[in-house]
Amino acid sequence: MKTILTLLLAAALAAPIQFDKTVHDFGEISTKAGKQTCTFTVTNDGDEALSIFAVVPSCGCTDVVWPREAIAPGKTGVITATYSNDEGTGTFDKTLTVYTSAQKKPVILHLKGSVTKNAK
């Protein structure tokens, strides 16, 4: 009985949306490297179409493009984020707040790295 309840709880908590990653680490980059771009792949594991309502960056230094069309069950979409890399040297950890039809609570994605004058 306990096993059945555990399985039911796990199924109920499983989100119908999956991301290939929730953090992208650019590592060490140079101030001269220019804009840095990464992608997050979204998979619709649910039985209904998945809509991404909005992806809100934590600051104006990040541009985001996301699928405006619904993602069919079993299909994927890509969120593309571009960090401007014009804030000088130091570490950064920027967030993207993703609002979807799959769950009430938004998903938080991170872009991080370290900007130096002369990256390796």
PDB file of N, CA and C in Angstrom:
ATOM      1  N   MET A   1       0.830  -1.205   0.000  1.00  0.00           N
ATOM      2  CA  MET A   1       0.000   0.000   0.000  1.00  0.00           C
ATOM      3  C   MET A   1       0.863   1.253   0.000  1.00  0.00           C
ATOM      4  N   LYS A   2       1.943   1.232   0.803  1.00  0.00           N
ATOM      5  CA  LYS A   2       2.837   2.377   0.877  1.00  0.00           C
ATOM      6  C   LYS A   2       3.504   2.639  -0.484  1.00  0.00           C
ATOM      7  N   THR A   3       3.853   1.572  -1.186  1.00  0.00           N
ATOM      8  CA  THR A   3       4.485   1.697  -2.496  1.00  0.00           C
ATOM      9  C   THR A   3       3.524   2.336  -3.500  1.00  0.00           C
ATOM     10  N   ILE A   4       2.268   1.935  -3.458  1.00  0.00           N
ATOM     11  CA  ILE A   4       1.268   2.498  -4.369  1.00  0.00           C
ATOM     12  C   ILE A   4       1.091   3.990  -4.100  1.00  0.00           C
ATOM     13  N   LEU A   5       1.019   4.374  -2.830  1.00  0.00           N
ATOM     14  CA  LEU A   5       0.882   5.786  -2.488  1.00  0.00           C
ATOM     15  C   LEU A   5       2.103   6.583  -2.930  1.00  0.00           C
ATOM     16  N   THR A   6       3.274   6.007  -2.775  1.00  0.00           N
ATOM     17  CA  THR A   6       4.504   6.678  -3.209  1.00  0.00           C
ATOM     18  C   THR A   6       4.497   6.882  -4.717  1.00  0.00           C
ATOM     19  N   LEU A   7       4.089   5.869  -5.464  1.00  0.00           N
ATOM     20  CA  LEU A   7       4.025   5.978  -6.922  1.00  0.00           C
ATOM     21  C   LEU A   7       2.993   7.014  -7.365  1.00  0.00           C
ATOM     22  N   LEU A   8       1.842   7.037  -6.717  1.00  0.00           N
ATOM     23  CA  LEU A   8       0.812   8.016  -7.048  1.00  0.00           C
ATOM     24  C   LEU A   8       1.281   9.443  -6.753  1.00  0.00           C
ATOM     25  N   LEU A   9       1.960   9.620  -5.634  1.00  0.00           N
ATOM     26  CA  LEU A   9       2.483  10.927  -5.281  1.00  0.00           C
ATOM     27  C   LEU A   9       3.546  11.374  -6.282  1.00  0.00           C
ATOM     28  N   ALA A  10       4.428  10.474  -6.656  1.00  0.00           N
ATOM     29  CA  ALA A  10       5.475  10.796  -7.635  1.00  0.00           C
ATOM     30  C   ALA A  10       4.865  11.186  -8.979  1.00  0.00           C
ATOM     31  N   ALA A  11       3.844  10.471  -9.399  1.00  0.00           N
ATOM     32  CA  ALA A  11       3.173  10.779 -10.664  1.00  0.00           C
ATOM     33  C   ALA A  11       2.484  12.143 -10.597  1.00  0.00           C
ATOM     34  N   ALA A  12       1.883  12.444  -9.459  1.00  0.00           N
ATOM     35  CA  ALA A  12       1.190  13.721  -9.298  1.00  0.00           C
ATOM     36  C   ALA A  12       2.166  14.894  -9.293  1.00  0.00           C
ATOM     37  N   LEU A  13       3.368  14.684  -8.749  1.00  0.00           N
ATOM     38  CA  LEU A  13       4.356  15.750  -8.673  1.00  0.00           C
ATOM     39  C   LEU A  13       5.176  15.899  -9.949  1.00  0.00           C
ATOM     40  N   ALA A  14       5.129  14.919 -10.821  1.00  0.00           N
ATOM     41  CA  ALA A  14       5.905  14.989 -12.057  1.00  0.00           C
ATOM     42  C   ALA A  14       5.331  16.079 -12.964  1.00  0.00           C
ATOM     43  N   ALA A  15       6.162  17.013 -13.303  1.00  0.00           N
ATOM     44  CA  ALA A  15       5.716  18.107 -14.167  1.00  0.00           C
ATOM     45  C   ALA A  15       5.653  17.623 -15.611  1.00  0.00           C
ATOM     46  N   PRO A  16       4.647  18.070 -16.359  1.00  0.00           N
ATOM     47  CA  PRO A  16       4.541  17.676 -17.763  1.00  0.00           C
ATOM     48  C   PRO A  16       5.504  18.465 -18.662  1.00  0.00           C
ATOM     49  N   ILE A  17       6.448  19.168 -18.055  1.00  0.00           N
ATOM     50  CA  ILE A  17       7.431  19.935 -18.807  1.00  0.00           C
ATOM     51  C   ILE A  17       8.818  19.588 -18.281  1.00  0.00           C
ATOM     52  N   GLN A  18       9.750  19.390 -19.210  1.00  0.00           N
ATOM     53  CA  GLN A  18      11.128  19.066 -18.833  1.00  0.00           C
ATOM     54  C   GLN A  18      12.079  20.007 -19.569  1.00  0.00           C
ATOM     55  N   PHE A  19      13.149  20.406 -18.896  1.00  0.00           N
ATOM     56  CA  PHE A  19      14.195  21.216 -19.496  1.00  0.00           C
ATOM     57  C   PHE A  19      15.470  20.387 -19.577  1.00  0.00           C
ATOM     58  N   ASP A  20      16.251  20.553 -20.644  1.00  0.00           N
ATOM     59  CA  ASP A  20      17.503  19.810 -20.756  1.00  0.00           C
ATOM     60  C   ASP A  20      18.498  20.241 -19.684  1.00  0.00           C
ATOM     61  N   LYS A  21      18.333  21.469 -19.175  1.00  0.00           N
ATOM     62  CA  LYS A  21      19.155  22.009 -18.091  1.00  0.00           C
ATOM     63  C   LYS A  21      18.427  23.215 -17.528  1.00  0.00           C
ATOM     64  N   THR A  22      18.763  23.598 -16.317  1.00  0.00           N
ATOM     65  CA  THR A  22      18.188  24.811 -15.745  1.00  0.00           C
ATOM     66  C   THR A  22      19.268  25.855 -15.487  1.00  0.00           C
ATOM     67  N   VAL A  23      20.533  25.464 -15.682  1.00  0.00           N
ATOM     68  CA  VAL A  23      21.657  26.388 -15.520  1.00  0.00           C
ATOM     69  C   VAL A  23      22.571  26.262 -16.726  1.00  0.00           C
ATOM     70  N   HIS A  24      22.941  27.405 -17.296  1.00  0.00           N
ATOM     71  CA  HIS A  24      23.977  27.410 -18.331  1.00  0.00           C
ATOM     72  C   HIS A  24      25.142  28.224 -17.799  1.00  0.00           C
ATOM     73  N   ASP A  25      26.310  27.578 -17.704  1.00  0.00           N
ATOM     74  CA  ASP A  25      27.521  28.237 -17.220  1.00  0.00           C
ATOM     75  C   ASP A  25      28.413  28.552 -18.414  1.00  0.00           C
ATOM     76  N   PHE A  26      28.576  29.837 -18.702  1.00  0.00           N
ATOM     77  CA  PHE A  26      29.449  30.248 -19.796  1.00  0.00           C
ATOM     78  C   PHE A  26      30.924  30.070 -19.440  1.00  0.00           C
ATOM     79  N   GLY A  27      31.196  29.852 -18.152  1.00  0.00           N
ATOM     80  CA  GLY A  27      32.579  29.728 -17.714  1.00  0.00           C
ATOM     81  C   GLY A  27      33.243  31.092 -17.699  1.00  0.00           C
ATOM     82  N   GLU A  28      34.537  31.111 -17.981  1.00  0.00           N
ATOM     83  CA  GLU A  28      35.292  32.360 -17.997  1.00  0.00           C
ATOM     84  C   GLU A  28      35.289  32.920 -19.426  1.00  0.00           C
ATOM     85  N   ILE A  29      34.818  34.145 -19.567  1.00  0.00           N
ATOM     86  CA  ILE A  29      34.769  34.788 -20.881  1.00  0.00           C
ATOM     87  C   ILE A  29      35.438  36.156 -20.809  1.00  0.00           C
ATOM     88  N   SER A  30      35.929  36.607 -21.920  1.00  0.00           N
ATOM     89  CA  SER A  30      36.609  37.895 -22.001  1.00  0.00           C
ATOM     90  C   SER A  30      35.608  39.023 -22.214  1.00  0.00           C
ATOM     91  N   THR A  31      35.976  40.200 -21.756  1.00  0.00           N
ATOM     92  CA  THR A  31      35.152  41.381 -22.008  1.00  0.00           C
ATOM     93  C   THR A  31      35.059  41.658 -23.503  1.00  0.00           C
ATOM     94  N   LYS A  32      36.062  41.191 -24.253  1.00  0.00           N
ATOM     95  CA  LYS A  32      36.105  41.422 -25.697  1.00  0.00           C
ATOM     96  C   LYS A  32      35.356  40.349 -26.493  1.00  0.00           C
ATOM     97  N   ALA A  33      34.824  39.343 -25.812  1.00  0.00           N
ATOM     98  CA  ALA A  33      34.177  38.211 -26.497  1.00  0.00           C
ATOM     99  C   ALA A  33      32.825  38.570 -27.111  1.00  0.00           C
ATOM    100  N   GLY A  34      32.262  39.687 -26.702  1.00  0.00           N
ATOM    101  CA  GLY A  34      30.966  40.083 -27.247  1.00  0.00           C
ATOM    102  C   GLY A  34      29.821  39.295 -26.639  1.00  0.00           C
ATOM    103  N   LYS A  35      28.674  39.384 -27.278  1.00  0.00           N
ATOM    104  CA  LYS A  35      27.468  38.725 -26.781  1.00  0.00           C
ATOM    105  C   LYS A  35      27.670  37.216 -26.689  1.00  0.00           C
ATOM    106  N   GLN A  36      27.038  36.619 -25.684  1.00  0.00           N
ATOM    107  CA  GLN A  36      27.114  35.179 -25.459  1.00  0.00           C
ATOM    108  C   GLN A  36      25.705  34.598 -25.517  1.00  0.00           C
ATOM    109  N   THR A  37      25.531  33.540 -26.288  1.00  0.00           N
ATOM    110  CA  THR A  37      24.213  32.948 -26.491  1.00  0.00           C
ATOM    111  C   THR A  37      24.193  31.494 -26.049  1.00  0.00           C
ATOM    112  N   CYS A  38      23.084  31.083 -25.469  1.00  0.00           N
ATOM    113  CA  CYS A  38      22.884  29.683 -25.094  1.00  0.00           C
ATOM    114  C   CYS A  38      21.428  29.307 -25.346  1.00  0.00           C
ATOM    115  N   THR A  39      21.153  28.013 -25.278  1.00  0.00           N
ATOM    116  CA  THR A  39      19.777  27.540 -25.482  1.00  0.00           C
ATOM    117  C   THR A  39      19.372  26.595 -24.353  1.00  0.00           C
ATOM    118  N   PHE A  40      18.080  26.558 -24.111  1.00  0.00           N
ATOM    119  CA  PHE A  40      17.455  25.623 -23.185  1.00  0.00           C
ATOM    120  C   PHE A  40      16.377  24.898 -23.979  1.00  0.00           C
ATOM    121  N   THR A  41      16.442  23.570 -24.036  1.00  0.00           N
ATOM    122  CA  THR A  41      15.443  22.793 -24.764  1.00  0.00           C
ATOM    123  C   THR A  41      14.327  22.386 -23.811  1.00  0.00           C
ATOM    124  N   VAL A  42      13.100  22.659 -24.224  1.00  0.00           N
ATOM    125  CA  VAL A  42      11.903  22.374 -23.441  1.00  0.00           C
ATOM    126  C   VAL A  42      11.184  21.193 -24.092  1.00  0.00           C
ATOM    127  N   THR A  43      10.861  20.177 -23.294  1.00  0.00           N
ATOM    128  CA  THR A  43      10.120  19.018 -23.799  1.00  0.00           C
ATOM    129  C   THR A  43       8.747  18.968 -23.141  1.00  0.00           C
ATOM    130  N   ASN A  44       7.716  18.800 -23.959  1.00  0.00           N
ATOM    131  CA  ASN A  44       6.357  18.658 -23.450  1.00  0.00           C
ATOM    132  C   ASN A  44       6.110  17.180 -23.170  1.00  0.00           C
ATOM    133  N   ASP A  45       6.153  16.799 -21.894  1.00  0.00           N
ATOM    134  CA  ASP A  45       5.893  15.426 -21.482  1.00  0.00           C
ATOM    135  C   ASP A  45       4.430  15.193 -21.127  1.00  0.00           C
ATOM    136  N   GLY A  46       3.612  16.200 -21.335  1.00  0.00           N
ATOM    137  CA  GLY A  46       2.200  16.089 -20.988  1.00  0.00           C
ATOM    138  C   GLY A  46       1.355  15.530 -22.119  1.00  0.00           C
ATOM    139  N   ASP A  47       0.054  15.499 -21.869  1.00  0.00           N
ATOM    140  CA  ASP A  47      -0.911  14.991 -22.847  1.00  0.00           C
ATOM    141  C   ASP A  47      -1.599  16.100 -23.625  1.00  0.00           C
ATOM    142  N   GLU A  48      -1.320  17.358 -23.255  1.00  0.00           N
ATOM    143  CA  GLU A  48      -1.943  18.507 -23.918  1.00  0.00           C
ATOM    144  C   GLU A  48      -0.861  19.442 -24.439  1.00  0.00           C
ATOM    145  N   ALA A  49      -1.245  20.309 -25.360  1.00  0.00           N
ATOM    146  CA  ALA A  49      -0.300  21.287 -25.891  1.00  0.00           C
ATOM    147  C   ALA A  49       0.242  22.164 -24.763  1.00  0.00           C
ATOM    148  N   LEU A  50       1.502  22.505 -24.852  1.00  0.00           N
ATOM    149  CA  LEU A  50       2.184  23.319 -23.851  1.00  0.00           C
ATOM    150  C   LEU A  50       2.425  24.708 -24.421  1.00  0.00           C
ATOM    151  N   SER A  51       1.988  25.719 -23.698  1.00  0.00           N
ATOM    152  CA  SER A  51       2.228  27.098 -24.122  1.00  0.00           C
ATOM    153  C   SER A  51       3.219  27.753 -23.169  1.00  0.00           C
ATOM    154  N   ILE A  52       4.181  28.455 -23.746  1.00  0.00           N
ATOM    155  CA  ILE A  52       5.080  29.282 -22.946  1.00  0.00           C
ATOM    156  C   ILE A  52       4.521  30.692 -23.059  1.00  0.00           C
ATOM    157  N   PHE A  53       3.978  31.183 -21.952  1.00  0.00           N
ATOM    158  CA  PHE A  53       3.323  32.490 -21.958  1.00  0.00           C
ATOM    159  C   PHE A  53       4.330  33.631 -22.009  1.00  0.00           C
ATOM    160  N   ALA A  54       5.405  33.498 -21.228  1.00  0.00           N
ATOM    161  CA  ALA A  54       6.413  34.558 -21.164  1.00  0.00           C
ATOM    162  C   ALA A  54       7.705  33.994 -20.588  1.00  0.00           C
ATOM    163  N   VAL A  55       8.813  34.615 -20.988  1.00  0.00           N
ATOM    164  CA  VAL A  55      10.118  34.348 -20.387  1.00  0.00           C
ATOM    165  C   VAL A  55      10.676  35.724 -20.025  1.00  0.00           C
ATOM    166  N   VAL A  56      10.803  35.967 -18.725  1.00  0.00           N
ATOM    167  CA  VAL A  56      11.175  37.287 -18.239  1.00  0.00           C
ATOM    168  C   VAL A  56      12.610  37.267 -17.704  1.00  0.00           C
ATOM    169  N   PRO A  57      13.519  38.005 -18.359  1.00  0.00           N
ATOM    170  CA  PRO A  57      14.897  38.069 -17.865  1.00  0.00           C
ATOM    171  C   PRO A  57      14.989  38.972 -16.635  1.00  0.00           C
ATOM    172  N   SER A  58      16.001  38.721 -15.803  1.00  0.00           N
ATOM    173  CA  SER A  58      16.158  39.489 -14.571  1.00  0.00           C
ATOM    174  C   SER A  58      16.682  40.896 -14.811  1.00  0.00           C
ATOM    175  N   CYS A  59      17.251  41.149 -15.987  1.00  0.00           N
ATOM    176  CA  CYS A  59      17.725  42.501 -16.280  1.00  0.00           C
ATOM    177  C   CYS A  59      17.730  42.739 -17.787  1.00  0.00           C
ATOM    178  N   GLY A  60      17.988  43.966 -18.167  1.00  0.00           N
ATOM    179  CA  GLY A  60      17.999  44.339 -19.572  1.00  0.00           C
ATOM    180  C   GLY A  60      19.222  43.853 -20.329  1.00  0.00           C
ATOM    181  N   CYS A  61      20.155  43.203 -19.650  1.00  0.00           N
ATOM    182  CA  CYS A  61      21.377  42.719 -20.299  1.00  0.00           C
ATOM    183  C   CYS A  61      21.161  41.373 -20.990  1.00  0.00           C
ATOM    184  N   THR A  62      19.959  40.820 -20.895  1.00  0.00           N
ATOM    185  CA  THR A  62      19.674  39.512 -21.488  1.00  0.00           C
ATOM    186  C   THR A  62      18.453  39.609 -22.402  1.00  0.00           C
ATOM    187  N   ASP A  63      18.632  39.166 -23.641  1.00  0.00           N
ATOM    188  CA  ASP A  63      17.524  39.087 -24.602  1.00  0.00           C
ATOM    189  C   ASP A  63      17.084  37.624 -24.698  1.00  0.00           C
ATOM    190  N   VAL A  64      15.786  37.418 -24.856  1.00  0.00           N
ATOM    191  CA  VAL A  64      15.255  36.051 -24.885  1.00  0.00           C
ATOM    192  C   VAL A  64      14.295  35.882 -26.052  1.00  0.00           C
ATOM    193  N   VAL A  65      14.388  34.718 -26.691  1.00  0.00           N
ATOM    194  CA  VAL A  65      13.446  34.324 -27.742  1.00  0.00           C
ATOM    195  C   VAL A  65      12.901  32.960 -27.343  1.00  0.00           C
ATOM    196  N   TRP A  66      11.577  32.782 -27.429  1.00  0.00           N
ATOM    197  CA  TRP A  66      10.964  31.507 -27.071  1.00  0.00           C
ATOM    198  C   TRP A  66       9.852  31.187 -28.063  1.00  0.00           C
ATOM    199  N   PRO A  67       9.439  29.925 -28.130  1.00  0.00           N
ATOM    200  CA  PRO A  67       8.375  29.534 -29.065  1.00  0.00           C
ATOM    201  C   PRO A  67       7.060  30.218 -28.715  1.00  0.00           C
ATOM    202  N   ARG A  68       6.466  30.882 -29.679  1.00  0.00           N
ATOM    203  CA  ARG A  68       5.165  31.536 -29.468  1.00  0.00           C
ATOM    204  C   ARG A  68       4.020  30.587 -29.790  1.00  0.00           C
ATOM    205  N   GLU A  69       4.306  29.565 -30.572  1.00  0.00           N
ATOM    206  CA  GLU A  69       3.302  28.547 -30.893  1.00  0.00           C
ATOM    207  C   GLU A  69       3.321  27.472 -29.804  1.00  0.00           C
ATOM    208  N   ALA A  70       2.187  26.845 -29.557  1.00  0.00           N
ATOM    209  CA  ALA A  70       2.106  25.765 -28.559  1.00  0.00           C
ATOM    210  C   ALA A  70       2.997  24.602 -28.983  1.00  0.00           C
ATOM    211  N   ILE A  71       3.563  23.936 -27.984  1.00  0.00           N
ATOM    212  CA  ILE A  71       4.415  22.768 -28.217  1.00  0.00           C
ATOM    213  C   ILE A  71       3.549  21.531 -28.016  1.00  0.00           C
ATOM    214  N   ALA A  72       3.431  20.712 -29.046  1.00  0.00           N
ATOM    215  CA  ALA A  72       2.582  19.518 -29.005  1.00  0.00           C
ATOM    216  C   ALA A  72       3.150  18.484 -28.033  1.00  0.00           C
ATOM    217  N   PRO A  73       2.297  17.602 -27.492  1.00  0.00           N
ATOM    218  CA  PRO A  73       2.776  16.544 -26.606  1.00  0.00           C
ATOM    219  C   PRO A  73       3.894  15.727 -27.268  1.00  0.00           C
ATOM    220  N   GLY A  74       4.965  15.490 -26.506  1.00  0.00           N
ATOM    221  CA  GLY A  74       6.094  14.716 -27.001  1.00  0.00           C
ATOM    222  C   GLY A  74       7.080  15.506 -27.838  1.00  0.00           C
ATOM    223  N   LYS A  75       6.768  16.755 -28.136  1.00  0.00           N
ATOM    224  CA  LYS A  75       7.639  17.593 -28.969  1.00  0.00           C
ATOM    225  C   LYS A  75       8.480  18.534 -28.101  1.00  0.00           C
ATOM    226  N   THR A  76       9.435  19.206 -28.746  1.00  0.00           N
ATOM    227  CA  THR A  76      10.315  20.119 -28.037  1.00  0.00           C
ATOM    228  C   THR A  76      10.262  21.519 -28.628  1.00  0.00           C
ATOM    229  N   GLY A  77      10.701  22.455 -27.837  1.00  0.00           N
ATOM    230  CA  GLY A  77      10.872  23.840 -28.253  1.00  0.00           C
ATOM    231  C   GLY A  77      12.180  24.341 -27.664  1.00  0.00           C
ATOM    232  N   VAL A  78      12.655  25.471 -28.144  1.00  0.00           N
ATOM    233  CA  VAL A  78      13.940  25.996 -27.689  1.00  0.00           C
ATOM    234  C   VAL A  78      13.778  27.437 -27.213  1.00  0.00           C
ATOM    235  N   ILE A  79      14.321  27.698 -26.030  1.00  0.00           N
ATOM    236  CA  ILE A  79      14.423  29.058 -25.507  1.00  0.00           C
ATOM    237  C   ILE A  79      15.866  29.488 -25.741  1.00  0.00           C
ATOM    238  N   THR A  80      16.049  30.607 -26.426  1.00  0.00           N
ATOM    239  CA  THR A  80      17.389  31.119 -26.713  1.00  0.00           C
ATOM    240  C   THR A  80      17.609  32.391 -25.909  1.00  0.00           C
ATOM    241  N   ALA A  81      18.712  32.429 -25.164  1.00  0.00           N
ATOM    242  CA  ALA A  81      19.045  33.591 -24.341  1.00  0.00           C
ATOM    243  C   ALA A  81      20.389  34.151 -24.781  1.00  0.00           C
ATOM    244  N   THR A  82      20.463  35.482 -24.908  1.00  0.00           N
ATOM    245  CA  THR A  82      21.705  36.146 -25.284  1.00  0.00           C
ATOM    246  C   THR A  82      22.068  37.164 -24.207  1.00  0.00           C
ATOM    247  N   TYR A  83      23.230  36.930 -23.588  1.00  0.00           N
ATOM    248  CA  TYR A  83      23.759  37.826 -22.561  1.00  0.00           C
ATOM    249  C   TYR A  83      24.630  38.870 -23.249  1.00  0.00           C
ATOM    250  N   SER A  84      24.413  40.154 -22.976  1.00  0.00           N
ATOM    251  CA  SER A  84      25.086  41.236 -23.696  1.00  0.00           C
ATOM    252  C   SER A  84      26.583  41.325 -23.414  1.00  0.00           C
ATOM    253  N   ASN A  85      27.030  40.876 -22.256  1.00  0.00           N
ATOM    254  CA  ASN A  85      28.447  40.885 -21.889  1.00  0.00           C
ATOM    255  C   ASN A  85      29.052  42.287 -22.007  1.00  0.00           C
ATOM    256  N   ASP A  86      28.320  43.269 -21.526  1.00  0.00           N
ATOM    257  CA  ASP A  86      28.828  44.641 -21.579  1.00  0.00           C
ATOM    258  C   ASP A  86      28.777  45.328 -20.208  1.00  0.00           C
ATOM    259  N   GLU A  87      28.788  44.511 -19.162  1.00  0.00           N
ATOM    260  CA  GLU A  87      28.687  45.055 -17.804  1.00  0.00           C
ATOM    261  C   GLU A  87      30.026  45.105 -17.076  1.00  0.00           C
ATOM    262  N   GLY A  88      31.128  44.871 -17.793  1.00  0.00           N
ATOM    263  CA  GLY A  88      32.441  44.905 -17.164  1.00  0.00           C
ATOM    264  C   GLY A  88      32.829  43.544 -16.598  1.00  0.00           C
ATOM    265  N   THR A  89      33.906  43.528 -15.821  1.00  0.00           N
ATOM    266  CA  THR A  89      34.436  42.279 -15.280  1.00  0.00           C
ATOM    267  C   THR A  89      33.697  41.858 -14.015  1.00  0.00           C
ATOM    268  N   GLY A  90      33.809  40.573 -13.692  1.00  0.00           N
ATOM    269  CA  GLY A  90      33.202  40.019 -12.488  1.00  0.00           C
ATOM    270  C   GLY A  90      32.304  38.845 -12.811  1.00  0.00           C
ATOM    271  N   THR A  91      31.786  38.235 -11.772  1.00  0.00           N
ATOM    272  CA  THR A  91      30.890  37.098 -11.968  1.00  0.00           C
ATOM    273  C   THR A  91      29.470  37.605 -12.201  1.00  0.00           C
ATOM    274  N   PHE A  92      28.674  36.787 -12.875  1.00  0.00           N
ATOM    275  CA  PHE A  92      27.270  37.127 -13.085  1.00  0.00           C
ATOM    276  C   PHE A  92      26.417  35.873 -12.943  1.00  0.00           C
ATOM    277  N   ASP A  93      25.191  36.076 -12.508  1.00  0.00           N
ATOM    278  CA  ASP A  93      24.184  35.013 -12.401  1.00  0.00           C
ATOM    279  C   ASP A  93      22.845  35.665 -12.714  1.00  0.00           C
ATOM    280  N   LYS A  94      22.425  35.553 -13.953  1.00  0.00           N
ATOM    281  CA  LYS A  94      21.176  36.149 -14.418  1.00  0.00           C
ATOM    282  C   LYS A  94      20.095  35.076 -14.462  1.00  0.00           C
ATOM    283  N   THR A  95      18.864  35.482 -14.265  1.00  0.00           N
ATOM    284  CA  THR A  95      17.775  34.504 -14.286  1.00  0.00           C
ATOM    285  C   THR A  95      16.789  34.802 -15.404  1.00  0.00           C
ATOM    286  N   LEU A  96      16.131  33.727 -15.830  1.00  0.00           N
ATOM    287  CA  LEU A  96      15.012  33.801 -16.768  1.00  0.00           C
ATOM    288  C   LEU A  96      13.842  33.128 -16.062  1.00  0.00           C
ATOM    289  N   THR A  97      12.746  33.832 -15.894  1.00  0.00           N
ATOM    290  CA  THR A  97      11.564  33.280 -15.258  1.00  0.00           C
ATOM    291  C   THR A  97      10.602  32.859 -16.364  1.00  0.00           C
ATOM    292  N   VAL A  98      10.311  31.549 -16.409  1.00  0.00           N
ATOM    293  CA  VAL A  98       9.526  30.970 -17.504  1.00  0.00           C
ATOM    294  C   VAL A  98       8.121  30.648 -17.007  1.00  0.00           C
ATOM    295  N   TYR A  99       7.117  31.280 -17.612  1.00  0.00           N
ATOM    296  CA  TYR A  99       5.713  31.055 -17.273  1.00  0.00           C
ATOM    297  C   TYR A  99       5.083  30.185 -18.361  1.00  0.00           C
ATOM    298  N   THR A 100       4.514  29.045 -17.936  1.00  0.00           N
ATOM    299  CA  THR A 100       3.943  28.107 -18.900  1.00  0.00           C
ATOM    300  C   THR A 100       2.542  27.658 -18.483  1.00  0.00           C
ATOM    301  N   SER A 101       1.892  26.969 -19.408  1.00  0.00           N
ATOM    302  CA  SER A 101       0.580  26.387 -19.122  1.00  0.00           C
ATOM    303  C   SER A 101       0.706  25.068 -18.358  1.00  0.00           C
ATOM    304  N   ALA A 102       1.913  24.567 -18.193  1.00  0.00           N
ATOM    305  CA  ALA A 102       2.121  23.253 -17.579  1.00  0.00           C
ATOM    306  C   ALA A 102       2.009  23.261 -16.061  1.00  0.00           C
ATOM    307  N   GLN A 103       2.324  24.394 -15.446  1.00  0.00           N
ATOM    308  CA  GLN A 103       2.280  24.440 -13.982  1.00  0.00           C
ATOM    309  C   GLN A 103       2.079  25.878 -13.520  1.00  0.00           C
ATOM    310  N   LYS A 104       1.548  26.012 -12.317  1.00  0.00           N
ATOM    311  CA  LYS A 104       1.256  27.342 -11.780  1.00  0.00           C
ATOM    312  C   LYS A 104       2.535  28.088 -11.419  1.00  0.00           C
ATOM    313  N   LYS A 105       3.504  27.374 -10.862  1.00  0.00           N
ATOM    314  CA  LYS A 105       4.754  27.988 -10.423  1.00  0.00           C
ATOM    315  C   LYS A 105       5.705  28.121 -11.614  1.00  0.00           C
ATOM    316  N   PRO A 106       6.293  29.309 -11.812  1.00  0.00           N
ATOM    317  CA  PRO A 106       7.223  29.455 -12.939  1.00  0.00           C
ATOM    318  C   PRO A 106       8.517  28.674 -12.711  1.00  0.00           C
ATOM    319  N   VAL A 107       9.210  28.391 -13.800  1.00  0.00           N
ATOM    320  CA  VAL A 107      10.512  27.729 -13.753  1.00  0.00           C
ATOM    321  C   VAL A 107      11.574  28.821 -13.855  1.00  0.00           C
ATOM    322  N   ILE A 108      12.608  28.715 -13.030  1.00  0.00           N
ATOM    323  CA  ILE A 108      13.697  29.684 -13.046  1.00  0.00           C
ATOM    324  C   ILE A 108      14.918  29.054 -13.711  1.00  0.00           C
ATOM    325  N   LEU A 109      15.382  29.681 -14.781  1.00  0.00           N
ATOM    326  CA  LEU A 109      16.589  29.245 -15.466  1.00  0.00           C
ATOM    327  C   LEU A 109      17.700  30.248 -15.137  1.00  0.00           C
ATOM    328  N   HIS A 110      18.958  29.773 -15.137  1.00  0.00           N
ATOM    329  CA  HIS A 110      20.087  30.635 -14.791  1.00  0.00           C
ATOM    330  C   HIS A 110      21.125  30.679 -15.907  1.00  0.00           C
ATOM    331  N   LEU A 111      21.682  31.870 -16.105  1.00  0.00           N
ATOM    332  CA  LEU A 111      22.852  32.083 -16.955  1.00  0.00           C
ATOM    333  C   LEU A 111      23.933  32.603 -16.025  1.00  0.00           C
ATOM    334  N   LYS A 112      25.087  31.953 -16.021  1.00  0.00           N
ATOM    335  CA  LYS A 112      26.129  32.432 -15.133  1.00  0.00           C
ATOM    336  C   LYS A 112      27.486  32.317 -15.797  1.00  0.00           C
ATOM    337  N   GLY A 113      28.443  32.989 -15.191  1.00  0.00           N
ATOM    338  CA  GLY A 113      29.801  32.949 -15.713  1.00  0.00           C
ATOM    339  C   GLY A 113      30.652  33.995 -15.033  1.00  0.00           C
ATOM    340  N   SER A 114      31.843  34.154 -15.552  1.00  0.00           N
ATOM    341  CA  SER A 114      32.788  35.107 -15.012  1.00  0.00           C
ATOM    342  C   SER A 114      33.429  35.856 -16.172  1.00  0.00           C
ATOM    343  N   VAL A 115      33.348  37.176 -16.134  1.00  0.00           N
ATOM    344  CA  VAL A 115      33.920  38.007 -17.198  1.00  0.00           C
ATOM    345  C   VAL A 115      35.239  38.573 -16.711  1.00  0.00           C
ATOM    346  N   THR A 116      36.292  38.356 -17.509  1.00  0.00           N
ATOM    347  CA  THR A 116      37.620  38.885 -17.195  1.00  0.00           C
ATOM    348  C   THR A 116      38.145  39.669 -18.396  1.00  0.00           C
ATOM    349  N   LYS A 117      39.171  40.456 -18.141  1.00  0.00           N
ATOM    350  CA  LYS A 117      39.766  41.222 -19.243  1.00  0.00           C
ATOM    351  C   LYS A 117      40.412  40.290 -20.266  1.00  0.00           C
ATOM    352  N   ASN A 118      41.046  39.232 -19.793  1.00  0.00           N
ATOM    353  CA  ASN A 118      41.747  38.292 -20.683  1.00  0.00           C
ATOM    354  C   ASN A 118      41.399  36.866 -20.303  1.00  0.00           C
ATOM    355  N   ALA A 119      40.279  36.381 -20.796  1.00  0.00           N
ATOM    356  CA  ALA A 119      39.871  35.007 -20.500  1.00  0.00           C
ATOM    357  C   ALA A 119      40.792  34.029 -21.209  1.00  0.00           C
ATOM    358  N   LYS A 120      40.879  32.824 -20.642  1.00  0.00           N
ATOM    359  CA  LYS A 120      41.732  31.771 -21.214  1.00  0.00           C
ATOM    360  C   LYS A 120      41.137  31.187 -22.452  1.00  0.00           C
TER     361      LYS A 120
END
